[in-house]
Amino acid sequence: MKIKLLLLFLCAYSLSFAQNPDGLVKWLTFKQAQEMNKVQQKPFLIDIYTDWCGWCKHMMKTTYSNQGLAQYINNNFYPVKFDAEGKDTIEFKGEKFYPTSKDPKTPHQLALKFLGNSLSYPSTVFIGNNLEFTLLTQGYLDEKKIEPLLIYFVENVFRTTKYEDFADKFTKTFVDTVGAKKPMKMYTVKEMQALQKKKPKKVLINISTGFCNSCKVMNKTTFVDTSIASYIDKNFYLVNFDAESNDTILFNNEKYFKQPINGYPLNTFAAKVCGGRLALPSLAILDEQLNTIDVLGIYQHPKNLKPVLLYYGGNHFKTQKWPDFYNEYTAKQKK
């Protein structure tokens, strides 16, 4: 049975391709996308096509005509449809780009900027909401291929992890689930506090929500990774906390409950342990007295998390600055 990304709703096409040659995505011009981004930052999805490209048309007919995918793209991206052989002058990030020739089937300067000498169509360029990080994918993207790319940019995973690393863990979470490892023991806040009285340890509070897909990837692949699982079990209590929890949480003799945070109903305990720096997923690191000593926002791949665990679990943070510790750690890994 094919497993779909839960956030992307499964549905049949509501309109035929003949009625919607551009699919169901609400495509913008570069000018429109950049003006809108000044008001609200979102990542860009740039579909690079040509009029003669059959696979470009097929991608419009299939991937971009999937109502769930199109809705997700419309809500979370500024999608731009760009004719690689167009004849318009385009301004992008303060620079003007021109057609290289008036002749047909000649590449636009902006197409050359994005694609270099690899003029293959369709090509899709994803640009982070900072308008700096860019990822180029070439060839036809079906639903299965485009899903992790969308999540990678919408949930800012690009800020912490290489795409290849995230895509591998994404596949293990949602597609190749046969033989998946059993999750580590995760405690509730109440269980953790009871254990803390008997045997104090540092605490990892893993904060996620049901709508966060990179949270699901992190929950199912990061904490079960053999390179860190035993170290976590020995040196930390791992708490799993749903930021949308309706429960009243008693923590350090204070009560926390669900209420609007930045306009969205979340449990205030999540904001408390993150010191107001809540990003999904978040991993709050607490000392033995249950004081927050660091917060890791956004998805954490096992190989990125391991040195952080060693830094705090081994108490190196008390005597050594993080850059110095990390430089020593990476030097050892190269030997």
Foldseek 3Di string as FASTA:
>chain_A
DFFADVQQDFDDQPDACVVPQQALAPADALVVQVVVLVVPFAKEKEWEAAPPDPLSSVLRRAARNGVSNRVLCNVGYRYHYHHQQDADWDAHPNDIWGHPDPDGPGGTRVCCVVQPPNPAPGKMWIAASVNPDIDIDGDRDHNLRCVLVSLCRRQVVVVADDSVLSNVLLCCQGPVVVPFDDFDDADALVVVVVVLVVPFAKEKEWEAAPSRSLSSSCRRAQCVDPVCVVVCVVGYHYHYYYQQDQDWDQDPNDTWGWDDDVHDTGICVQCVQQVNPCGPTKIFIAGSVRHTPHMDHTHDHNVRCVLVSCCVSVVVVVPDDPVVSVVVVVVVVVD
